[in-house]
Amino acid sequence: MEDKRKRLMGLDFGSKTVGVAVSDPLFLAATPVEIIRRDQTNKLRKTYARIEELILQYDVGTIIIGNPLMPSGDEGERARLTNEFADNIRRRTGLPVIMEDERLTTVEADEIMDEAGVAKKDHKKYVDMIAAQLILQSYMNRKTYEHK
């Protein structure tokens, strides 16, 4: 169950990065925060620790994680790994974790950076953080629409 008084955190889980975004206190806008990087795919201890720090820093009550479904809507290996990550986050933090369809968010993030004039060579520096922002904003927009 979502805590309506605490912020939302959006996460874009990748093989070597996790993009992080948070909502504003009024749940109107998602803001990119950072990209947590790791050297190895399966080394997540420091990643979990950093997420826990950010949860405290931003007073987060619910976590939204991008669900990398295949274009058909089926779950592949990437979705299985992301669900494992979500289960670990849920267990470690005790917070509700909601999976949000993230199909095409990386493409959209690249388009946003192109429009903002970010050099193609610099896209990798920001793409996961912007994808996390898009995942979180998509969730907030849908929830706002559902409550109207």
N, C-alpha and C. Protein backbone atom coordinates (compact mmCIF):
# COMPACT_ATOMS: atom_id res chain seq x y z
N MET A 1 0.83 -1.19 0.00
CA MET A 1 0.00 0.00 0.00
C MET A 1 0.87 1.25 0.00
N GLU A 2 0.62 2.14 -0.93
CA GLU A 2 1.36 3.38 -1.06
C GLU A 2 1.17 4.28 0.15
N ASP A 3 2.25 4.89 0.63
CA ASP A 3 2.16 5.91 1.67
C ASP A 3 2.00 7.24 0.96
N LYS A 4 0.82 7.83 1.04
CA LYS A 4 0.49 9.04 0.27
C LYS A 4 1.22 10.29 0.78
N ARG A 5 1.91 10.19 1.93
CA ARG A 5 2.61 11.35 2.47
C ARG A 5 4.08 11.36 2.11
N LYS A 6 4.58 10.26 1.62
CA LYS A 6 6.01 10.17 1.31
C LYS A 6 6.21 10.15 -0.20
N ARG A 7 7.40 10.55 -0.60
CA ARG A 7 7.72 10.61 -2.02
C ARG A 7 7.81 9.23 -2.66
N LEU A 8 7.75 9.24 -3.98
CA LEU A 8 7.95 8.04 -4.78
C LEU A 8 9.37 8.05 -5.33
N MET A 9 9.94 6.86 -5.49
CA MET A 9 11.24 6.73 -6.13
C MET A 9 11.08 5.85 -7.35
N GLY A 10 11.63 6.28 -8.46
CA GLY A 10 11.63 5.50 -9.69
C GLY A 10 13.01 4.92 -9.93
N LEU A 11 13.06 3.63 -10.30
CA LEU A 11 14.34 2.98 -10.58
C LEU A 11 14.30 2.33 -11.96
N ASP A 12 15.38 2.53 -12.71
CA ASP A 12 15.58 1.85 -13.99
C ASP A 12 16.76 0.91 -13.81
N PHE A 13 16.46 -0.39 -13.64
CA PHE A 13 17.47 -1.39 -13.34
C PHE A 13 18.10 -1.89 -14.62
N GLY A 14 19.41 -1.74 -14.72
CA GLY A 14 20.15 -2.24 -15.88
C GLY A 14 21.21 -3.23 -15.45
N SER A 15 21.92 -3.79 -16.41
CA SER A 15 22.90 -4.83 -16.09
C SER A 15 24.06 -4.28 -15.27
N LYS A 16 24.44 -3.01 -15.47
CA LYS A 16 25.54 -2.43 -14.68
C LYS A 16 25.20 -1.08 -14.07
N THR A 17 23.96 -0.66 -14.21
CA THR A 17 23.56 0.64 -13.66
C THR A 17 22.13 0.56 -13.11
N VAL A 18 21.83 1.51 -12.24
CA VAL A 18 20.45 1.73 -11.81
C VAL A 18 20.22 3.24 -11.87
N GLY A 19 19.32 3.66 -12.75
CA GLY A 19 18.93 5.05 -12.81
C GLY A 19 17.93 5.33 -11.69
N VAL A 20 18.06 6.51 -11.07
CA VAL A 20 17.21 6.86 -9.93
C VAL A 20 16.54 8.21 -10.19
N ALA A 21 15.24 8.26 -9.88
CA ALA A 21 14.48 9.51 -9.93
C ALA A 21 13.57 9.54 -8.71
N VAL A 22 13.16 10.75 -8.30
CA VAL A 22 12.22 10.88 -7.20
C VAL A 22 11.12 11.86 -7.59
N SER A 23 9.98 11.71 -6.92
CA SER A 23 8.88 12.63 -7.14
C SER A 23 9.07 13.87 -6.28
N ASP A 24 8.40 14.93 -6.66
CA ASP A 24 8.32 16.10 -5.78
C ASP A 24 7.30 15.77 -4.69
N PRO A 25 7.24 16.56 -3.62
CA PRO A 25 6.32 16.24 -2.52
C PRO A 25 4.85 16.24 -2.91
N LEU A 26 4.48 16.92 -4.00
CA LEU A 26 3.08 16.98 -4.43
C LEU A 26 2.76 15.93 -5.50
N PHE A 27 3.73 15.13 -5.87
CA PHE A 27 3.56 14.05 -6.86
C PHE A 27 3.16 14.57 -8.24
N LEU A 28 3.71 15.74 -8.60
CA LEU A 28 3.43 16.31 -9.91
C LEU A 28 4.53 16.03 -10.93
N ALA A 29 5.77 16.01 -10.44
CA ALA A 29 6.90 15.87 -11.35
C ALA A 29 7.93 14.90 -10.81
N ALA A 30 8.51 14.15 -11.73
CA ALA A 30 9.62 13.25 -11.40
C ALA A 30 10.92 13.96 -11.76
N THR A 31 11.90 13.86 -10.89
CA THR A 31 13.19 14.52 -11.11
C THR A 31 14.30 13.47 -11.10
N PRO A 32 15.17 13.49 -12.12
CA PRO A 32 16.29 12.55 -12.11
C PRO A 32 17.25 12.89 -10.97
N VAL A 33 17.80 11.86 -10.33
CA VAL A 33 18.68 12.07 -9.18
C VAL A 33 20.12 11.64 -9.50
N GLU A 34 20.29 10.38 -9.89
CA GLU A 34 21.64 9.90 -10.16
C GLU A 34 21.59 8.54 -10.86
N ILE A 35 22.76 8.10 -11.29
CA ILE A 35 22.93 6.75 -11.82
C ILE A 35 23.89 6.04 -10.88
N ILE A 36 23.45 4.92 -10.36
CA ILE A 36 24.30 4.09 -9.51
C ILE A 36 24.99 3.08 -10.43
N ARG A 37 26.30 3.10 -10.44
CA ARG A 37 27.06 2.23 -11.36
C ARG A 37 27.77 1.13 -10.57
N ARG A 38 27.92 -0.02 -11.23
CA ARG A 38 28.67 -1.11 -10.63
C ARG A 38 29.52 -1.77 -11.71
N ASP A 39 30.60 -2.41 -11.26
CA ASP A 39 31.54 -3.03 -12.20
C ASP A 39 31.06 -4.37 -12.73
N GLN A 40 30.31 -5.10 -11.89
CA GLN A 40 29.86 -6.43 -12.29
C GLN A 40 28.35 -6.55 -12.14
N THR A 41 27.75 -7.27 -13.06
CA THR A 41 26.30 -7.43 -13.12
C THR A 41 25.71 -7.94 -11.81
N ASN A 42 26.35 -8.93 -11.21
CA ASN A 42 25.75 -9.58 -10.04
C ASN A 42 26.24 -9.04 -8.70
N LYS A 43 26.99 -7.96 -8.70
CA LYS A 43 27.50 -7.36 -7.47
C LYS A 43 26.60 -6.18 -7.09
N LEU A 44 25.60 -6.45 -6.26
CA LEU A 44 24.57 -5.45 -5.98
C LEU A 44 24.57 -4.89 -4.56
N ARG A 45 25.47 -5.38 -3.70
CA ARG A 45 25.43 -4.95 -2.30
C ARG A 45 25.54 -3.43 -2.16
N LYS A 46 26.48 -2.81 -2.84
CA LYS A 46 26.66 -1.35 -2.76
C LYS A 46 25.49 -0.63 -3.42
N THR A 47 24.92 -1.22 -4.45
CA THR A 47 23.76 -0.64 -5.12
C THR A 47 22.57 -0.58 -4.15
N TYR A 48 22.30 -1.68 -3.46
CA TYR A 48 21.21 -1.71 -2.48
C TYR A 48 21.47 -0.70 -1.36
N ALA A 49 22.70 -0.62 -0.90
CA ALA A 49 23.04 0.31 0.18
C ALA A 49 22.80 1.76 -0.27
N ARG A 50 23.19 2.08 -1.50
CA ARG A 50 22.99 3.46 -1.99
C ARG A 50 21.50 3.76 -2.14
N ILE A 51 20.72 2.81 -2.62
CA ILE A 51 19.27 3.02 -2.74
C ILE A 51 18.67 3.26 -1.36
N GLU A 52 19.10 2.51 -0.37
CA GLU A 52 18.60 2.70 0.99
C GLU A 52 18.95 4.09 1.52
N GLU A 53 20.15 4.59 1.21
CA GLU A 53 20.54 5.95 1.61
C GLU A 53 19.62 6.99 0.95
N LEU A 54 19.35 6.80 -0.33
CA LEU A 54 18.50 7.74 -1.06
C LEU A 54 17.06 7.70 -0.55
N ILE A 55 16.59 6.53 -0.14
CA ILE A 55 15.24 6.41 0.42
C ILE A 55 15.13 7.29 1.67
N LEU A 56 16.13 7.23 2.51
CA LEU A 56 16.13 8.06 3.73
C LEU A 56 16.27 9.54 3.38
N GLN A 57 17.20 9.85 2.49
CA GLN A 57 17.45 11.24 2.11
C GLN A 57 16.21 11.93 1.55
N TYR A 58 15.45 11.23 0.71
CA TYR A 58 14.30 11.82 0.05
C TYR A 58 12.96 11.45 0.70
N ASP A 59 13.00 10.74 1.82
CA ASP A 59 11.78 10.35 2.54
C ASP A 59 10.81 9.62 1.61
N VAL A 60 11.29 8.53 1.03
CA VAL A 60 10.54 7.73 0.05
C VAL A 60 9.65 6.72 0.76
N GLY A 61 8.43 6.57 0.27
CA GLY A 61 7.48 5.62 0.83
C GLY A 61 7.11 4.49 -0.10
N THR A 62 7.33 4.67 -1.42
CA THR A 62 6.99 3.65 -2.41
C THR A 62 8.02 3.71 -3.53
N ILE A 63 8.35 2.54 -4.06
CA ILE A 63 9.34 2.46 -5.14
C ILE A 63 8.68 1.92 -6.40
N ILE A 64 8.94 2.61 -7.50
CA ILE A 64 8.42 2.22 -8.80
C ILE A 64 9.61 1.74 -9.63
N ILE A 65 9.56 0.51 -10.10
CA ILE A 65 10.67 -0.04 -10.88
C ILE A 65 10.19 -0.35 -12.28
N GLY A 66 10.98 0.07 -13.26
CA GLY A 66 10.65 -0.21 -14.66
C GLY A 66 10.69 -1.69 -14.95
N ASN A 67 9.62 -2.19 -15.56
CA ASN A 67 9.50 -3.60 -15.92
C ASN A 67 9.82 -3.74 -17.40
N PRO A 68 10.99 -4.31 -17.73
CA PRO A 68 11.42 -4.37 -19.13
C PRO A 68 10.76 -5.52 -19.90
N LEU A 69 9.49 -5.36 -20.17
CA LEU A 69 8.76 -6.37 -20.94
C LEU A 69 9.23 -6.35 -22.39
N MET A 70 9.06 -7.47 -23.06
CA MET A 70 9.38 -7.53 -24.48
C MET A 70 8.26 -6.82 -25.25
N PRO A 71 8.50 -6.42 -26.49
CA PRO A 71 7.47 -5.72 -27.25
C PRO A 71 6.12 -6.45 -27.27
N SER A 72 6.15 -7.78 -27.18
CA SER A 72 4.92 -8.57 -27.17
C SER A 72 4.19 -8.49 -25.83
N GLY A 73 4.88 -7.96 -24.82
CA GLY A 73 4.30 -7.92 -23.48
C GLY A 73 4.74 -9.08 -22.61
N ASP A 74 5.47 -10.02 -23.20
CA ASP A 74 5.97 -11.17 -22.45
C ASP A 74 7.19 -10.77 -21.62
N GLU A 75 7.46 -11.60 -20.60
CA GLU A 75 8.64 -11.38 -19.78
C GLU A 75 9.79 -12.23 -20.31
N GLY A 76 10.94 -11.60 -20.48
CA GLY A 76 12.14 -12.32 -20.88
C GLY A 76 13.12 -12.40 -19.72
N GLU A 77 14.37 -12.70 -20.03
CA GLU A 77 15.41 -12.83 -19.02
C GLU A 77 15.63 -11.51 -18.26
N ARG A 78 15.63 -10.40 -18.98
CA ARG A 78 15.84 -9.08 -18.35
C ARG A 78 14.72 -8.80 -17.33
N ALA A 79 13.49 -9.13 -17.67
CA ALA A 79 12.36 -8.92 -16.75
C ALA A 79 12.49 -9.84 -15.53
N ARG A 80 12.96 -11.06 -15.74
CA ARG A 80 13.15 -11.98 -14.62
C ARG A 80 14.17 -11.42 -13.64
N LEU A 81 15.28 -10.92 -14.16
CA LEU A 81 16.32 -10.33 -13.31
C LEU A 81 15.81 -9.09 -12.59
N THR A 82 15.02 -8.29 -13.29
CA THR A 82 14.46 -7.08 -12.69
C THR A 82 13.48 -7.43 -11.57
N ASN A 83 12.70 -8.47 -11.77
CA ASN A 83 11.78 -8.91 -10.72
C ASN A 83 12.52 -9.43 -9.49
N GLU A 84 13.65 -10.11 -9.70
CA GLU A 84 14.50 -10.53 -8.58
C GLU A 84 15.01 -9.32 -7.82
N PHE A 85 15.47 -8.32 -8.57
CA PHE A 85 15.95 -7.07 -7.97
C PHE A 85 14.82 -6.41 -7.16
N ALA A 86 13.63 -6.36 -7.73
CA ALA A 86 12.48 -5.77 -7.05
C ALA A 86 12.16 -6.52 -5.76
N ASP A 87 12.20 -7.84 -5.80
CA ASP A 87 11.95 -8.65 -4.60
C ASP A 87 12.98 -8.34 -3.51
N ASN A 88 14.24 -8.20 -3.91
CA ASN A 88 15.30 -7.87 -2.95
C ASN A 88 15.11 -6.48 -2.36
N ILE A 89 14.72 -5.52 -3.18
CA ILE A 89 14.46 -4.16 -2.69
C ILE A 89 13.30 -4.20 -1.69
N ARG A 90 12.25 -4.89 -2.05
CA ARG A 90 11.07 -5.02 -1.17
C ARG A 90 11.47 -5.63 0.18
N ARG A 91 12.25 -6.69 0.12
CA ARG A 91 12.66 -7.39 1.34
C ARG A 91 13.60 -6.53 2.19
N ARG A 92 14.54 -5.85 1.55
CA ARG A 92 15.52 -5.04 2.29
C ARG A 92 14.91 -3.78 2.90
N THR A 93 13.98 -3.15 2.18
CA THR A 93 13.47 -1.86 2.64
C THR A 93 12.13 -1.96 3.38
N GLY A 94 11.38 -3.02 3.11
CA GLY A 94 10.04 -3.13 3.68
C GLY A 94 9.03 -2.22 3.00
N LEU A 95 9.43 -1.56 1.92
CA LEU A 95 8.55 -0.63 1.22
C LEU A 95 7.79 -1.34 0.10
N PRO A 96 6.62 -0.80 -0.26
CA PRO A 96 5.92 -1.33 -1.43
C PRO A 96 6.74 -1.07 -2.69
N VAL A 97 6.77 -2.05 -3.57
CA VAL A 97 7.46 -1.93 -4.86
C VAL A 97 6.43 -2.22 -5.95
N ILE A 98 6.31 -1.29 -6.88
CA ILE A 98 5.34 -1.40 -7.98
C ILE A 98 6.11 -1.48 -9.29
N MET A 99 5.74 -2.43 -10.12
CA MET A 99 6.39 -2.59 -11.42
C MET A 99 5.62 -1.77 -12.46
N GLU A 100 6.35 -0.98 -13.24
CA GLU A 100 5.76 -0.10 -14.25
C GLU A 100 6.34 -0.46 -15.61
N ASP A 101 5.50 -0.66 -16.61
CA ASP A 101 5.95 -0.97 -17.97
C ASP A 101 6.93 0.10 -18.43
N GLU A 102 8.09 -0.33 -18.86
CA GLU A 102 9.11 0.64 -19.28
C GLU A 102 9.47 0.52 -20.76
N ARG A 103 8.65 -0.19 -21.52
CA ARG A 103 8.97 -0.34 -22.94
C ARG A 103 9.14 1.02 -23.59
N LEU A 104 10.19 1.18 -24.33
CA LEU A 104 10.52 2.36 -25.12
C LEU A 104 11.01 3.56 -24.29
N THR A 105 11.21 3.42 -22.98
CA THR A 105 11.69 4.57 -22.21
C THR A 105 13.11 4.96 -22.61
N THR A 106 13.96 4.00 -22.95
CA THR A 106 15.32 4.35 -23.36
C THR A 106 15.30 5.11 -24.68
N VAL A 107 14.43 4.69 -25.59
CA VAL A 107 14.28 5.40 -26.87
C VAL A 107 13.80 6.83 -26.60
N GLU A 108 12.80 6.97 -25.73
CA GLU A 108 12.28 8.29 -25.39
C GLU A 108 13.34 9.15 -24.70
N ALA A 109 14.13 8.54 -23.83
CA ALA A 109 15.20 9.27 -23.13
C ALA A 109 16.21 9.79 -24.16
N ASP A 110 16.57 8.96 -25.15
CA ASP A 110 17.49 9.40 -26.20
C ASP A 110 16.91 10.57 -26.98
N GLU A 111 15.61 10.51 -27.29
CA GLU A 111 14.96 11.60 -28.03
C GLU A 111 14.98 12.89 -27.21
N ILE A 112 14.73 12.79 -25.91
CA ILE A 112 14.74 13.96 -25.03
C ILE A 112 16.13 14.59 -25.02
N MET A 113 17.16 13.75 -24.93
CA MET A 113 18.53 14.29 -24.93
C MET A 113 18.88 14.92 -26.26
N ASP A 114 18.42 14.32 -27.37
CA ASP A 114 18.64 14.93 -28.69
C ASP A 114 18.01 16.31 -28.74
N GLU A 115 16.76 16.41 -28.29
CA GLU A 115 16.05 17.70 -28.30
C GLU A 115 16.73 18.72 -27.39
N ALA A 116 17.34 18.25 -26.30
CA ALA A 116 18.02 19.16 -25.37
C ALA A 116 19.43 19.52 -25.83
N GLY A 117 19.87 18.91 -26.93
CA GLY A 117 21.18 19.23 -27.47
C GLY A 117 22.33 18.49 -26.81
N VAL A 118 22.03 17.40 -26.10
CA VAL A 118 23.09 16.60 -25.48
C VAL A 118 23.79 15.81 -26.58
N ALA A 119 25.10 15.90 -26.62
CA ALA A 119 25.88 15.20 -27.63
C ALA A 119 25.64 13.69 -27.54
N LYS A 120 25.56 13.04 -28.69
CA LYS A 120 25.32 11.58 -28.73
C LYS A 120 26.32 10.83 -27.85
N LYS A 121 27.58 11.27 -27.87
CA LYS A 121 28.60 10.57 -27.09
C LYS A 121 28.36 10.68 -25.59
N ASP A 122 27.53 11.63 -25.17
CA ASP A 122 27.24 11.82 -23.74
C ASP A 122 25.93 11.17 -23.30
N HIS A 123 25.18 10.62 -24.23
CA HIS A 123 23.89 10.01 -23.89
C HIS A 123 24.02 8.94 -22.81
N LYS A 124 25.06 8.11 -22.91
CA LYS A 124 25.23 7.01 -21.95
C LYS A 124 25.37 7.52 -20.51
N LYS A 125 25.88 8.74 -20.35
CA LYS A 125 26.06 9.32 -19.01
C LYS A 125 24.72 9.58 -18.32
N TYR A 126 23.67 9.80 -19.11
CA TYR A 126 22.41 10.26 -18.54
C TYR A 126 21.21 9.37 -18.81
N VAL A 127 21.29 8.46 -19.76
CA VAL A 127 20.11 7.74 -20.25
C VAL A 127 19.36 6.98 -19.15
N ASP A 128 20.07 6.32 -18.26
CA ASP A 128 19.39 5.52 -17.23
C ASP A 128 18.65 6.40 -16.22
N MET A 129 19.23 7.54 -15.91
CA MET A 129 18.61 8.48 -14.98
C MET A 129 17.34 9.09 -15.60
N ILE A 130 17.41 9.43 -16.87
CA ILE A 130 16.24 9.98 -17.55
C ILE A 130 15.18 8.90 -17.75
N ALA A 131 15.61 7.67 -18.02
CA ALA A 131 14.65 6.56 -18.13
C ALA A 131 13.92 6.37 -16.80
N ALA A 132 14.64 6.45 -15.67
CA ALA A 132 14.00 6.35 -14.35
C ALA A 132 12.98 7.46 -14.16
N GLN A 133 13.32 8.65 -14.62
CA GLN A 133 12.39 9.78 -14.54
C GLN A 133 11.14 9.50 -15.36
N LEU A 134 11.30 8.97 -16.56
CA LEU A 134 10.16 8.67 -17.43
C LEU A 134 9.28 7.57 -16.84
N ILE A 135 9.90 6.55 -16.26
CA ILE A 135 9.15 5.47 -15.62
C ILE A 135 8.30 6.03 -14.48
N LEU A 136 8.92 6.84 -13.63
CA LEU A 136 8.21 7.41 -12.49
C LEU A 136 7.12 8.37 -12.94
N GLN A 137 7.43 9.21 -13.93
CA GLN A 137 6.43 10.17 -14.42
C GLN A 137 5.25 9.45 -15.05
N SER A 138 5.51 8.37 -15.77
CA SER A 138 4.45 7.58 -16.38
C SER A 138 3.52 7.03 -15.30
N TYR A 139 4.09 6.50 -14.25
CA TYR A 139 3.29 5.97 -13.13
C TYR A 139 2.45 7.09 -12.50
N MET A 140 3.08 8.23 -12.22
CA MET A 140 2.35 9.33 -11.57
C MET A 140 1.24 9.86 -12.47
N ASN A 141 1.50 9.98 -13.76
CA ASN A 141 0.48 10.47 -14.69
C ASN A 141 -0.71 9.51 -14.74
N ARG A 142 -0.43 8.22 -14.77
CA ARG A 142 -1.50 7.23 -14.80
C ARG A 142 -2.31 7.27 -13.52
N LYS A 143 -1.65 7.38 -12.38
CA LYS A 143 -2.36 7.42 -11.09
C LYS A 143 -3.21 8.67 -10.97
N THR A 144 -2.70 9.80 -11.44
CA THR A 144 -3.47 11.05 -11.42
C THR A 144 -4.71 10.90 -12.31
N TYR A 145 -4.52 10.31 -13.49
CA TYR A 145 -5.62 10.12 -14.42
C TYR A 145 -6.67 9.19 -13.81
N GLU A 146 -6.23 8.13 -13.14
CA GLU A 146 -7.16 7.17 -12.54
C GLU A 146 -7.99 7.79 -11.42
N HIS A 147 -7.44 8.83 -10.77
CA HIS A 147 -8.15 9.46 -9.64
C HIS A 147 -9.07 10.57 -10.07
N LYS A 148 -9.13 10.88 -11.35
CA LYS A 148 -10.02 11.96 -11.83
C LYS A 148 -11.40 11.43 -12.12
